Protein backbone atom coordinates (compact mmCIF):
# COMPACT_ATOMS: atom_id res chain seq x y z
CA MET A 1 80.86 -0.66 -151.62
CA THR A 2 83.19 -3.33 -152.95
CA LEU A 3 81.40 -6.57 -153.65
CA PRO A 4 82.77 -9.94 -152.56
CA VAL A 5 84.56 -11.63 -155.46
CA LEU A 6 83.53 -15.14 -156.42
CA TYR A 7 86.16 -16.94 -158.46
CA ASN A 8 83.97 -19.10 -160.65
CA CYS A 9 83.92 -21.64 -163.46
CA PRO A 10 80.54 -21.60 -165.25
CA PRO A 11 80.06 -25.38 -165.74
CA SER A 12 81.07 -26.22 -162.16
CA GLY A 13 78.21 -27.41 -159.98
CA ASN A 14 80.08 -26.33 -156.86
CA CYS A 15 80.37 -22.80 -158.23
CA TYR A 16 76.76 -22.94 -159.36
CA LYS A 17 75.48 -23.70 -155.85
CA VAL A 18 77.07 -20.46 -154.62
CA ARG A 19 75.69 -18.43 -157.53
CA LEU A 20 72.29 -20.05 -157.05
CA PHE A 21 72.13 -19.25 -153.34
CA ALA A 22 73.27 -15.68 -153.96
CA ALA A 23 70.58 -15.24 -156.62
CA LEU A 24 67.83 -16.73 -154.44
CA ALA A 25 68.90 -14.76 -151.36
CA GLY A 26 69.48 -11.45 -153.17
CA ILE A 27 73.20 -11.27 -152.45
CA ASP A 28 75.33 -9.38 -154.98
CA LEU A 29 78.69 -10.86 -155.97
CA ASP A 30 81.46 -9.84 -158.34
CA ILE A 31 81.72 -13.05 -160.36
CA ARG A 32 85.06 -13.60 -162.07
CA ASP A 33 85.51 -16.66 -164.26
CA VAL A 34 88.69 -18.69 -163.91
CA ASP A 35 89.95 -20.36 -167.10
CA LEU A 36 90.68 -23.87 -165.84
CA VAL A 37 91.56 -25.13 -169.32
CA ALA A 38 94.33 -22.52 -169.52
CA GLY A 39 95.52 -23.47 -166.02
CA ALA A 40 94.57 -20.16 -164.38
CA HIS A 41 93.78 -22.05 -161.16
CA LYS A 42 97.42 -23.16 -160.94
CA THR A 43 98.96 -19.70 -161.02
CA PRO A 44 100.78 -18.37 -157.93
CA MET A 45 98.06 -15.73 -157.46
CA PHE A 46 95.26 -18.26 -157.39
CA THR A 47 97.22 -20.80 -155.38
CA ALA A 48 97.71 -18.14 -152.72
CA LEU A 49 93.91 -17.91 -152.49
CA ASN A 50 93.33 -21.66 -152.49
CA PRO A 51 96.25 -24.08 -152.09
CA TRP A 52 94.00 -26.86 -153.46
CA GLN A 53 93.85 -24.92 -156.76
CA GLN A 54 90.09 -25.36 -157.06
CA VAL A 55 87.05 -23.17 -157.57
CA PRO A 56 84.96 -21.69 -156.09
CA VAL A 57 86.83 -19.23 -153.93
CA LEU A 58 85.22 -16.23 -152.26
CA GLU A 59 87.36 -13.16 -151.53
CA ASP A 60 85.62 -10.65 -149.29
CA GLY A 61 88.14 -8.00 -148.32
CA GLU A 62 90.72 -9.72 -146.14
CA THR A 63 88.55 -12.83 -145.82
CA VAL A 64 89.23 -15.65 -148.27
CA ILE A 65 87.10 -18.81 -148.21
CA TRP A 66 87.32 -21.88 -150.38
CA ASP A 67 84.93 -24.83 -150.44
CA SER A 68 81.42 -24.21 -151.68
CA GLN A 69 79.74 -25.40 -148.48
CA ALA A 70 81.84 -23.04 -146.36
CA ILE A 71 81.06 -20.17 -148.74
CA LEU A 72 77.32 -20.82 -148.43
CA VAL A 73 77.51 -20.68 -144.63
CA TYR A 74 79.66 -17.54 -144.68
CA LEU A 75 77.32 -15.65 -147.01
CA ALA A 76 74.23 -16.67 -145.06
CA GLU A 77 75.81 -15.61 -141.77
CA LYS A 78 77.23 -12.35 -143.06
CA HIS A 79 73.98 -11.28 -144.71
CA ASP A 80 71.79 -12.53 -141.87
CA LYS A 81 69.84 -14.87 -144.13
CA THR A 82 68.28 -16.71 -141.23
CA GLU A 83 65.55 -18.20 -143.41
CA TRP A 84 68.28 -20.10 -145.28
CA TRP A 85 70.47 -20.81 -142.22
CA PRO A 86 68.12 -20.92 -139.20
CA SER A 87 69.65 -20.58 -135.74
CA LYS A 88 67.85 -23.55 -134.17
CA PRO A 89 70.49 -26.21 -133.40
CA ALA A 90 68.41 -29.12 -134.68
CA VAL A 91 67.71 -27.40 -138.00
CA ARG A 92 71.34 -26.39 -138.42
CA ALA A 93 72.42 -29.95 -137.71
CA ARG A 94 70.06 -31.21 -140.43
CA ILE A 95 71.43 -28.64 -142.87
CA VAL A 96 75.03 -29.58 -142.08
CA LYS A 97 74.17 -33.24 -142.67
CA TRP A 98 73.06 -32.35 -146.19
CA LEU A 99 76.09 -30.13 -146.78
CA SER A 100 78.14 -33.22 -145.95
CA VAL A 101 76.04 -35.45 -148.23
CA SER A 102 76.53 -32.90 -151.03
CA ALA A 103 80.31 -32.96 -150.59
CA ASN A 104 80.51 -36.74 -150.28
CA GLU A 105 77.77 -39.05 -151.57
CA ILE A 106 76.40 -36.68 -154.23
CA GLN A 107 79.88 -35.57 -155.27
CA HIS A 108 81.16 -39.13 -155.60
CA GLY A 109 78.03 -40.33 -157.40
CA PRO A 110 76.14 -38.07 -159.83
CA ALA A 111 78.77 -35.31 -159.84
CA ASP A 112 81.61 -37.70 -160.67
CA ALA A 113 79.51 -39.41 -163.34
CA ARG A 114 79.12 -36.01 -164.99
CA LEU A 115 82.88 -35.47 -164.74
CA VAL A 116 83.45 -38.67 -166.68
CA LYS A 117 80.83 -38.12 -169.37
CA LYS A 118 81.19 -34.38 -169.89
CA PHE A 119 84.81 -33.68 -169.00
CA ASP A 120 86.57 -37.01 -169.74
CA SER A 121 87.66 -37.59 -166.14
CA PRO A 122 89.65 -40.83 -165.68
CA LEU A 123 87.36 -41.94 -162.83
CA ARG A 124 85.81 -45.41 -163.18
CA TYR A 125 82.36 -44.77 -164.62
CA ASP A 126 80.83 -48.01 -163.38
CA ASP A 127 81.84 -47.15 -159.82
CA VAL A 128 80.28 -43.69 -159.85
CA VAL A 129 77.07 -44.98 -161.44
CA THR A 130 76.85 -47.64 -158.72
CA ALA A 131 77.34 -44.92 -156.10
CA SER A 132 74.61 -42.84 -157.78
CA ARG A 133 72.17 -45.75 -157.70
CA LYS A 134 72.78 -46.08 -153.98
CA ILE A 135 72.31 -42.42 -153.02
CA LEU A 136 69.42 -41.40 -155.30
CA PRO A 137 66.79 -43.77 -153.84
CA ILE A 138 67.75 -42.62 -150.34
CA ILE A 139 67.21 -38.98 -151.29
CA ASP A 140 63.96 -39.82 -153.06
CA ARG A 141 62.62 -41.62 -149.98
CA HIS A 142 63.69 -38.71 -147.77
CA LEU A 143 61.73 -36.30 -149.96
CA ALA A 144 58.66 -38.52 -150.28
CA ASP A 145 57.05 -36.91 -147.22
CA ARG A 146 58.97 -33.63 -147.11
CA VAL A 147 58.86 -30.45 -149.16
CA TRP A 148 62.47 -29.45 -148.47
CA LEU A 149 65.57 -31.36 -147.41
CA ALA A 150 66.16 -29.93 -143.95
CA GLY A 151 63.69 -27.21 -142.97
CA GLU A 152 60.14 -25.99 -143.33
CA GLY A 153 61.33 -23.79 -146.19
CA PRO A 154 64.32 -23.93 -148.54
CA THR A 155 67.69 -23.77 -146.80
CA LEU A 156 71.38 -24.00 -147.62
CA ALA A 157 70.86 -27.77 -147.71
CA ASP A 158 68.72 -27.45 -150.83
CA CYS A 159 71.15 -25.07 -152.53
CA ALA A 160 74.07 -27.41 -151.81
CA ALA A 161 72.38 -30.59 -153.01
CA TYR A 162 70.49 -29.22 -156.00
CA PRO A 163 73.19 -28.61 -158.67
CA TYR A 164 74.67 -32.07 -159.09
CA LEU A 165 71.30 -33.77 -158.68
CA LYS A 166 69.80 -31.53 -161.36
CA LEU A 167 72.81 -32.13 -163.62
CA ALA A 168 72.87 -35.91 -163.04
CA PRO A 169 71.47 -36.69 -166.52
CA GLU A 170 74.55 -35.00 -168.03
CA GLY A 171 76.48 -37.88 -166.49
CA GLY A 172 74.13 -40.47 -167.91
CA VAL A 173 72.36 -40.90 -164.56
CA SER A 174 68.59 -40.90 -165.10
CA LEU A 175 66.25 -39.38 -162.52
CA GLU A 176 63.16 -40.98 -164.04
CA ALA A 177 62.73 -43.47 -161.20
CA TYR A 178 62.79 -40.78 -158.50
CA PRO A 179 59.54 -38.77 -158.61
CA ALA A 180 59.89 -37.12 -155.19
CA LEU A 181 63.38 -35.92 -156.06
CA ARG A 182 62.18 -34.55 -159.39
CA GLN A 183 59.29 -32.72 -157.72
CA TRP A 184 61.77 -31.17 -155.29
CA LEU A 185 63.91 -29.99 -158.21
CA GLY A 186 60.82 -28.33 -159.63
CA ARG A 187 60.10 -26.57 -156.35
CA ILE A 188 63.58 -25.07 -156.32
CA GLU A 189 63.21 -23.98 -159.94
CA ALA A 190 59.97 -22.19 -159.03
CA LEU A 191 61.64 -20.04 -156.36
CA PRO A 192 61.94 -16.30 -157.09
CA GLY A 193 65.42 -15.46 -158.31
CA TYR A 194 66.21 -18.98 -159.54
CA ILE A 195 69.00 -19.16 -162.14
CA THR A 196 70.19 -22.04 -164.30
CA VAL A 197 73.78 -23.28 -164.36
CA GLU A 198 74.30 -21.36 -167.62
CA ALA A 199 73.21 -18.03 -166.06
């Protein structure tokens, strides 16, 4: 059987969230690294897969999906991973809220801070640090009386939010003041199948 192909860049948190979910859920992928430095994401072949010229992209036969959140949902649906993507409307709504937070507040806070510090992005560092200081206390308070972000067990919400929160210190954003968030990171890292961003 031909495995779905994940076009990947190892340091990317958005790619990592897909690899992490696949590892935790026992889903096999054919992972192919894309050399962004060499401009491989701007070739006609890759642009045909994703006109935004970004990773990750999942190619599963005739189905091509870009955007890490969409890929998470697709893989969970296709492989019937109902523990990660429960069918109850209220739970799904909570998960989708956190998929949105991952793509917006977390992306434009801790993730962008990492882009500046680690990859010399021209973004204004003070702005992304300010955004980080706004979102992190909210997440910490949310987790103060919860084990997981959206469900009774880990869900796609946790996989989506985890990478750029875990990697926040690489952007100079300390997590020291957020004990509930740090405990949640530890719970994810204790799950069977967990992989690091370098894996």
